[in-house]
Amino acid sequence: MDFLFDYGLFLAKIATVVIAFIAILVVAKSVKGHHGSQKGELEVTDLTEQYKHTVHQLESHLFDKPLLKARDKAEKKADKEKHKARQNEVKKAAKEGDLSHSREPRLFVLDFHGSLDAREVTSLREEVTAILAVAMEGDEVLLRLETGGGMVHGYGLASSQLDRLKAAGIKLTISVDKVAASGGYMMACVGDKIISAPFAVVGSIGVIAQLPNFNKVLKKNDIEFEQITAGEFKRTLTMFGENTDKAREKFQSEIEETHGLFKAFVSEHRPELDLAKVATGEHWFGKQALELGLVDEIGTSDDYISTSCKDREVLQVRYVQRKKLAEKLAGATGDAADNLLLKWISRGQRPIV
């Protein structure tokens, strides 16, 4: 009995320490929350510096030291002269009150890896807003896009965010390394230029809606389902009720209307497309998409960024949201569910290599 008493007392002490520690964490987090209520922040990465560092690191193993030393000296001299010339341009622009030439044009790189509900648009809108606040003549945005589409309203909003860049006169280039289908292509077609990898999946200009119906199962088990609505078409097809031909016709007409809006949107941004040929819901690989006019160039985002790093500053812009532990777990679970659903939908429709 003494042993059990001592053991219970030991557990009580441990529990007290743990509770006290948790309480301290809660208070500290609360204080931090009062001082920093901002939901997220921008992260800016200089990709030009990363590129130069990588090149110099490799060259140090390929060339002898005297050659590298001479090259570095020449580069420093050229950079100094370029900086001096640039400073003169800035001073001249400042005197004339023209800030549009106060710096060299930059390439801003954004990433959009879309989920079914396009929740990434929350970060995209912040990134676009930030770029619009500082953009000047000659700047360009490169969007690395990867998504198989999803909810119409979510991807419609994402496309509208890209339209903000176009409306401001900023060149927008879309790069598709893996997939930009359905809602993904809705976003891609907004760009001034679409670059696609040779085997990236592009297109799928169509609309789909599907749901199971358990009405027969309920009837078989003597389970009644009741649904009360106001308005003839408040609910058309249902998972548990008995669907009618009239409801199916209404649902089909809504799908057709959505498809019509989708086609009109694509036609507005890429008027040269033969919609009768490409708006069938089919998808194509990059080289096929180039022949159909769905994309403008074959290549990867890596090629585009590496080339750009040689003659201008390239900045990656990311808006990072602060998330609670529960939100992180929910997000991870949601991503897993999205991936599973997308694989299930695409199985049997897409060749596997």
Protein backbone atom coordinates (compact mmCIF):
# COMPACT_ATOMS: atom_id res chain seq x y z
CA MET A 1 0.00 0.00 0.00
CA ASP A 2 2.86 2.40 0.84
CA PHE A 3 4.27 1.76 -2.61
CA LEU A 4 0.96 2.63 -4.29
CA PHE A 5 0.63 5.77 -2.16
CA ASP A 6 4.16 6.93 -3.05
CA TYR A 7 3.54 6.14 -6.74
CA GLY A 8 0.28 8.10 -6.76
CA LEU A 9 2.00 11.05 -5.08
CA PHE A 10 4.75 10.92 -7.71
CA LEU A 11 2.17 10.98 -10.54
CA ALA A 12 0.40 13.94 -8.91
CA LYS A 13 3.66 15.90 -8.83
CA ILE A 14 4.34 15.13 -12.49
CA ALA A 15 0.79 16.19 -13.44
CA THR A 16 1.22 19.46 -11.52
CA VAL A 17 4.46 20.26 -13.35
CA VAL A 18 2.91 19.48 -16.76
CA ILE A 19 -0.19 21.60 -16.05
CA ALA A 20 1.97 24.51 -14.87
CA PHE A 21 4.11 24.26 -18.01
CA ILE A 22 1.04 24.26 -20.25
CA ALA A 23 -0.37 27.25 -18.39
CA ILE A 24 2.87 29.20 -18.98
CA LEU A 25 2.74 28.37 -22.69
CA VAL A 26 -0.89 29.50 -22.95
CA VAL A 27 -0.14 32.81 -21.22
CA ALA A 28 2.95 33.42 -23.38
CA LYS A 29 0.98 32.70 -26.55
CA SER A 30 -1.81 34.99 -25.42
CA VAL A 31 0.63 37.85 -24.80
CA LYS A 32 2.25 37.23 -28.17
CA GLY A 33 -1.18 37.26 -29.81
CA HIS A 34 -1.96 40.68 -28.35
CA HIS A 35 1.31 42.14 -29.63
CA GLY A 36 1.17 40.50 -33.06
CA SER A 37 -2.35 40.01 -34.36
CA GLN A 38 -1.16 39.86 -37.97
CA LYS A 39 -2.37 36.66 -39.62
CA GLY A 40 0.68 36.16 -41.81
CA GLU A 41 3.70 37.78 -43.41
CA LEU A 42 5.52 38.03 -46.71
CA GLU A 43 8.67 36.05 -47.34
CA VAL A 44 10.92 37.35 -50.12
CA THR A 45 13.76 35.20 -51.47
CA ASP A 46 16.40 36.54 -53.87
CA LEU A 47 16.58 33.76 -56.49
CA THR A 48 19.23 35.67 -58.47
CA GLU A 49 21.66 35.47 -55.56
CA GLN A 50 20.89 31.78 -55.11
CA TYR A 51 21.57 31.16 -58.80
CA LYS A 52 24.88 33.06 -58.76
CA HIS A 53 25.98 31.25 -55.59
CA THR A 54 25.25 27.86 -57.20
CA VAL A 55 27.17 28.77 -60.36
CA HIS A 56 30.18 30.09 -58.44
CA GLN A 57 30.21 27.04 -56.18
CA LEU A 58 30.37 24.70 -59.18
CA GLU A 59 32.90 26.82 -61.04
CA SER A 60 35.23 26.69 -58.05
CA HIS A 61 35.61 22.95 -58.74
CA LEU A 62 36.01 23.33 -62.51
CA PHE A 63 38.50 26.17 -62.98
CA ASP A 64 41.86 27.05 -61.44
CA LYS A 65 42.23 29.83 -58.87
CA PRO A 66 44.08 32.41 -61.05
CA LEU A 67 41.30 32.28 -63.64
CA LEU A 68 38.57 32.58 -61.01
CA LYS A 69 40.39 35.46 -59.33
CA ALA A 70 40.64 37.34 -62.63
CA ARG A 71 36.99 36.65 -63.39
CA ASP A 72 35.88 37.88 -59.94
CA LYS A 73 37.93 41.05 -60.36
CA ALA A 74 36.35 41.74 -63.74
CA GLU A 75 32.86 41.08 -62.33
CA LYS A 76 33.40 43.46 -59.42
CA LYS A 77 34.60 46.15 -61.79
CA ALA A 78 31.60 45.67 -64.07
CA ASP A 79 29.21 45.69 -61.10
CA LYS A 80 30.79 48.89 -59.79
CA GLU A 81 30.39 50.63 -63.16
CA LYS A 82 26.84 49.36 -63.50
CA HIS A 83 25.98 50.55 -59.99
CA LYS A 84 27.46 53.99 -60.69
CA ALA A 85 25.51 54.33 -63.92
CA ARG A 86 22.37 53.20 -62.18
CA GLN A 87 22.84 55.74 -59.39
CA ASN A 88 23.08 58.50 -61.99
CA GLU A 89 19.84 57.30 -63.58
CA VAL A 90 18.11 57.25 -60.19
CA LYS A 91 19.28 60.78 -59.36
CA LYS A 92 18.05 62.01 -62.73
CA ALA A 93 14.69 60.27 -62.27
CA ALA A 94 14.35 61.75 -58.77
CA LYS A 95 14.98 65.28 -60.08
CA GLU A 96 12.37 64.79 -62.79
CA GLY A 97 9.94 63.28 -60.29
CA ASP A 98 9.65 60.05 -62.31
CA LEU A 99 9.96 57.07 -59.98
CA SER A 100 9.07 54.55 -62.69
CA HIS A 101 12.77 54.35 -63.66
CA SER A 102 14.22 54.47 -60.16
CA ARG A 103 15.13 50.78 -60.29
CA GLU A 104 15.68 48.02 -62.83
CA PRO A 105 12.75 45.78 -63.84
CA ARG A 106 12.28 42.71 -61.68
CA LEU A 107 10.72 39.29 -62.11
CA PHE A 108 8.45 38.30 -59.22
CA VAL A 109 7.90 34.55 -58.83
CA LEU A 110 4.70 33.23 -57.25
CA ASP A 111 3.64 29.63 -56.57
CA PHE A 112 0.12 28.23 -56.63
CA HIS A 113 -0.33 24.55 -55.74
CA GLY A 114 -4.10 24.34 -55.77
CA SER A 115 -6.40 22.12 -53.72
CA LEU A 116 -9.99 21.17 -54.54
CA ASP A 117 -11.45 24.23 -52.80
CA ALA A 118 -8.65 26.57 -54.01
CA ARG A 119 -8.01 27.74 -50.44
CA GLU A 120 -4.54 28.85 -51.57
CA VAL A 121 -6.21 31.91 -53.07
CA THR A 122 -6.00 33.47 -49.59
CA SER A 123 -2.22 33.70 -49.94
CA LEU A 124 -2.36 34.55 -53.65
CA ARG A 125 -4.48 37.66 -53.06
CA GLU A 126 -1.98 38.94 -50.46
CA GLU A 127 0.97 38.30 -52.80
CA VAL A 128 -0.75 40.06 -55.70
CA THR A 129 -1.67 43.03 -53.50
CA ALA A 130 1.94 43.37 -52.32
CA ILE A 131 3.32 43.27 -55.87
CA LEU A 132 0.79 45.82 -57.11
CA ALA A 133 1.91 48.16 -54.33
CA VAL A 134 5.53 48.24 -55.56
CA ALA A 135 5.35 47.25 -59.24
CA MET A 136 6.91 49.55 -61.81
CA GLU A 137 7.14 49.68 -65.58
CA GLY A 138 8.92 46.63 -66.99
CA ASP A 139 8.22 44.33 -64.03
CA GLU A 140 6.91 40.84 -64.69
CA VAL A 141 5.22 38.11 -62.66
CA LEU A 142 5.89 34.41 -63.19
CA LEU A 143 3.29 32.10 -61.66
CA ARG A 144 4.38 28.47 -61.19
CA LEU A 145 0.99 26.80 -61.42
CA GLU A 146 0.14 23.25 -60.37
CA THR A 147 -3.45 22.14 -59.92
CA GLY A 148 -6.04 19.78 -61.35
CA GLY A 149 -8.86 22.22 -60.62
CA GLY A 150 -11.76 22.08 -58.19
CA MET A 151 -14.58 24.31 -56.97
CA VAL A 152 -15.77 26.79 -59.59
CA HIS A 153 -16.11 29.76 -57.23
CA GLY A 154 -12.65 29.18 -55.70
CA TYR A 155 -10.83 29.02 -59.02
CA GLY A 156 -12.93 31.87 -60.36
CA LEU A 157 -11.62 34.05 -57.54
CA ALA A 158 -8.05 32.86 -58.14
CA SER A 159 -8.37 33.83 -61.82
CA SER A 160 -9.70 37.23 -60.79
CA GLN A 161 -6.60 37.79 -58.66
CA LEU A 162 -4.41 37.21 -61.72
CA ASP A 163 -6.65 39.57 -63.71
CA ARG A 164 -5.68 42.30 -61.23
CA LEU A 165 -2.09 42.03 -62.46
CA LYS A 166 -3.20 42.23 -66.09
CA ALA A 167 -5.39 45.26 -65.37
CA ALA A 168 -2.37 47.03 -63.87
CA GLY A 169 -0.36 46.43 -67.04
CA ILE A 170 2.05 43.92 -65.47
CA LYS A 171 3.20 41.14 -67.77
CA LEU A 172 2.03 37.76 -66.48
CA THR A 173 3.70 34.50 -67.47
CA ILE A 174 2.26 31.16 -66.39
CA SER A 175 4.51 28.11 -66.11
CA VAL A 176 3.00 24.62 -65.95
CA ASP A 177 5.53 21.98 -64.95
CA LYS A 178 3.06 19.20 -64.06
CA VAL A 179 -0.64 20.00 -64.42
CA ALA A 180 -3.00 22.92 -65.04
CA ALA A 181 -6.34 21.35 -65.83
CA SER A 182 -9.95 22.50 -65.53
CA GLY A 183 -9.89 25.30 -62.92
CA GLY A 184 -6.11 25.28 -63.32
CA TYR A 185 -6.43 26.14 -67.00
CA MET A 186 -9.00 28.79 -66.10
CA MET A 187 -6.17 30.46 -64.18
CA ALA A 188 -3.51 29.76 -66.81
CA CYS A 189 -5.43 31.31 -69.71
CA VAL A 190 -5.29 34.71 -67.98
CA GLY A 191 -1.53 34.89 -68.59
CA ASP A 192 0.10 36.79 -71.43
CA LYS A 193 2.15 33.66 -72.09
CA ILE A 194 1.78 30.04 -71.00
CA ILE A 195 4.87 27.84 -70.78
CA SER A 196 4.35 24.10 -70.44
CA ALA A 197 6.69 21.18 -69.80
CA PRO A 198 6.51 18.56 -72.59
CA PHE A 199 4.45 16.10 -70.54
CA ALA A 200 2.52 18.51 -68.34
CA VAL A 201 -1.24 17.91 -68.37
CA VAL A 202 -3.18 20.87 -69.78
CA GLY A 203 -6.79 21.59 -70.71
CA SER A 204 -9.84 19.75 -69.38
CA ILE A 205 -12.13 22.67 -70.24
CA GLY A 206 -15.23 21.03 -68.87
CA VAL A 207 -17.43 20.79 -65.79
CA ILE A 208 -18.25 17.71 -63.71
CA ALA A 209 -20.53 17.04 -60.75
CA GLN A 210 -21.22 13.63 -59.28
CA LEU A 211 -22.81 12.27 -56.14
CA PRO A 212 -24.07 8.88 -54.90
CA ASN A 213 -27.73 8.27 -54.10
CA PHE A 214 -28.64 6.08 -51.13
CA ASN A 215 -32.41 6.27 -51.48
CA LYS A 216 -32.85 2.58 -52.37
CA VAL A 217 -30.67 1.53 -49.44
CA LEU A 218 -32.79 3.61 -47.05
CA LYS A 219 -36.02 2.18 -48.42
CA LYS A 220 -34.69 -1.35 -48.12
CA ASN A 221 -33.99 -0.74 -44.45
CA ASP A 222 -37.33 1.04 -43.83
CA ILE A 223 -35.63 4.38 -43.22
CA GLU A 224 -37.54 7.48 -44.25
CA PHE A 225 -35.79 10.64 -45.45
CA GLU A 226 -37.52 14.00 -45.28
CA GLN A 227 -36.36 17.23 -46.86
CA ILE A 228 -38.27 20.51 -46.66
CA THR A 229 -37.47 23.34 -49.07
CA ALA A 230 -38.99 26.63 -50.19
CA GLY A 231 -38.50 27.30 -53.88
CA GLU A 232 -38.96 24.72 -56.63
CA PHE A 233 -35.27 24.31 -57.33
CA LYS A 234 -33.78 25.07 -53.91
CA ARG A 235 -32.47 21.51 -54.08
CA THR A 236 -32.25 19.50 -57.30
CA LEU A 237 -30.35 16.20 -56.95
CA THR A 238 -29.99 14.76 -53.45
CA MET A 239 -27.98 11.96 -51.89
CA PHE A 240 -30.80 10.51 -49.78
CA GLY A 241 -34.09 11.49 -51.42
CA GLU A 242 -35.66 10.08 -54.57
CA ASN A 243 -34.40 12.08 -57.56
CA THR A 244 -36.82 13.03 -60.33
CA ASP A 245 -36.25 13.52 -64.06
CA LYS A 246 -37.17 17.19 -63.67
CA ALA A 247 -34.47 17.62 -61.00
CA ARG A 248 -31.93 15.87 -63.24
CA GLU A 249 -32.79 18.14 -66.17
CA LYS A 250 -32.40 21.23 -63.98
CA PHE A 251 -29.08 20.02 -62.62
CA GLN A 252 -27.85 19.25 -66.14
CA SER A 253 -28.86 22.73 -67.33
CA GLU A 254 -26.89 24.29 -64.46
CA ILE A 255 -23.82 22.26 -65.44
CA GLU A 256 -24.21 23.38 -69.06
CA GLU A 257 -24.53 27.02 -67.99
CA THR A 258 -21.34 26.75 -65.94
CA HIS A 259 -19.55 25.17 -68.89
CA GLY A 260 -20.75 28.03 -71.09
CA LEU A 261 -19.32 30.59 -68.66
CA PHE A 262 -16.05 28.65 -68.54
CA LYS A 263 -15.78 28.62 -72.35
CA ALA A 264 -16.61 32.32 -72.57
CA PHE A 265 -13.89 33.10 -70.02
CA VAL A 266 -11.28 31.11 -71.95
CA SER A 267 -12.36 32.67 -75.25
CA GLU A 268 -12.04 36.16 -73.77
CA HIS A 269 -8.42 35.58 -72.79
CA ARG A 270 -7.37 33.32 -75.69
CA PRO A 271 -9.67 34.29 -78.60
CA GLU A 272 -7.60 32.36 -81.15
CA LEU A 273 -8.58 28.98 -79.65
CA ASP A 274 -10.96 26.67 -81.49
CA LEU A 275 -13.32 26.05 -78.54
CA ALA A 276 -15.32 23.41 -80.39
CA LYS A 277 -12.11 21.38 -80.50
CA VAL A 278 -10.58 22.06 -77.09
CA ALA A 279 -13.58 22.65 -74.78
CA THR A 280 -14.67 19.03 -74.74
CA GLY A 281 -13.39 18.22 -71.25
CA GLU A 282 -10.35 16.41 -72.66
CA HIS A 283 -6.82 17.04 -71.48
CA TRP A 284 -3.58 17.03 -73.46
CA PHE A 285 0.14 16.81 -72.81
CA GLY A 286 2.30 19.89 -73.30
CA LYS A 287 3.43 19.27 -76.87
CA GLN A 288 -0.11 18.43 -77.96
CA ALA A 289 -1.40 21.51 -76.17
CA LEU A 290 1.12 23.65 -78.08
CA GLU A 291 -0.23 22.41 -81.41
CA LEU A 292 -3.78 23.21 -80.29
CA GLY A 293 -2.85 26.70 -79.11
CA LEU A 294 -3.59 25.99 -75.44
CA VAL A 295 0.00 26.96 -74.54
CA ASP A 296 2.58 29.21 -76.20
CA GLU A 297 5.92 27.60 -75.49
CA ILE A 298 7.50 24.34 -74.34
CA GLY A 299 9.81 24.65 -71.37
CA THR A 300 10.01 24.55 -67.60
CA SER A 301 9.90 27.19 -64.89
CA ASP A 302 13.53 26.33 -64.08
CA ASP A 303 14.61 27.32 -67.61
CA TYR A 304 12.71 30.59 -67.43
CA ILE A 305 14.06 31.55 -64.00
CA SER A 306 17.67 30.60 -64.80
CA THR A 307 17.61 32.69 -67.97
CA SER A 308 16.05 35.63 -66.14
CA CYS A 309 18.65 35.50 -63.37
CA LYS A 310 21.37 36.37 -65.89
CA ASP A 311 20.09 39.85 -66.67
CA ARG A 312 17.66 40.93 -63.93
CA GLU A 313 16.74 40.48 -60.30
CA VAL A 314 14.39 37.59 -59.62
CA LEU A 315 12.45 37.59 -56.35
CA GLN A 316 10.26 34.80 -55.03
CA VAL A 317 7.31 36.19 -53.05
CA ARG A 318 5.37 34.01 -50.62
CA TYR A 319 2.67 34.96 -48.15
CA VAL A 320 2.96 32.60 -45.19
CA GLN A 321 -0.07 32.33 -42.92
CA ARG A 322 0.35 31.67 -39.23
CA LYS A 323 -1.62 28.58 -38.28
CA LYS A 324 -2.59 27.01 -35.02
CA LEU A 325 -1.70 23.38 -34.38
CA ALA A 326 -5.30 22.30 -35.00
CA GLU A 327 -5.35 24.15 -38.34
CA LYS A 328 -2.07 22.54 -39.39
CA LEU A 329 -3.44 19.08 -38.61
CA ALA A 330 -6.70 19.88 -40.39
CA GLY A 331 -4.77 21.21 -43.39
CA ALA A 332 -2.61 18.10 -43.60
CA THR A 333 -5.69 15.89 -43.38
CA GLY A 334 -7.44 17.96 -46.04
CA ASP A 335 -4.46 17.75 -48.40
CA ALA A 336 -4.35 13.98 -47.97
CA ALA A 337 -8.08 13.74 -48.73
CA ASP A 338 -7.68 15.99 -51.78
CA ASN A 339 -4.85 13.87 -53.15
CA LEU A 340 -6.82 10.67 -52.58
CA LEU A 341 -9.92 12.07 -54.27
CA LEU A 342 -7.99 13.42 -57.25
CA LYS A 343 -6.28 10.06 -57.72
CA TRP A 344 -9.64 8.29 -57.52
CA ILE A 345 -11.23 10.64 -60.05
CA SER A 346 -8.34 10.45 -62.51
CA ARG A 347 -7.76 6.69 -62.24
CA GLY A 348 -8.50 5.05 -65.54
CA GLN A 349 -8.63 8.42 -67.35
CA ARG A 350 -4.95 9.28 -67.46
CA PRO A 351 -2.12 7.09 -68.78
CA ILE A 352 0.54 6.05 -66.28
CA VAL A 353 4.19 6.11 -67.35
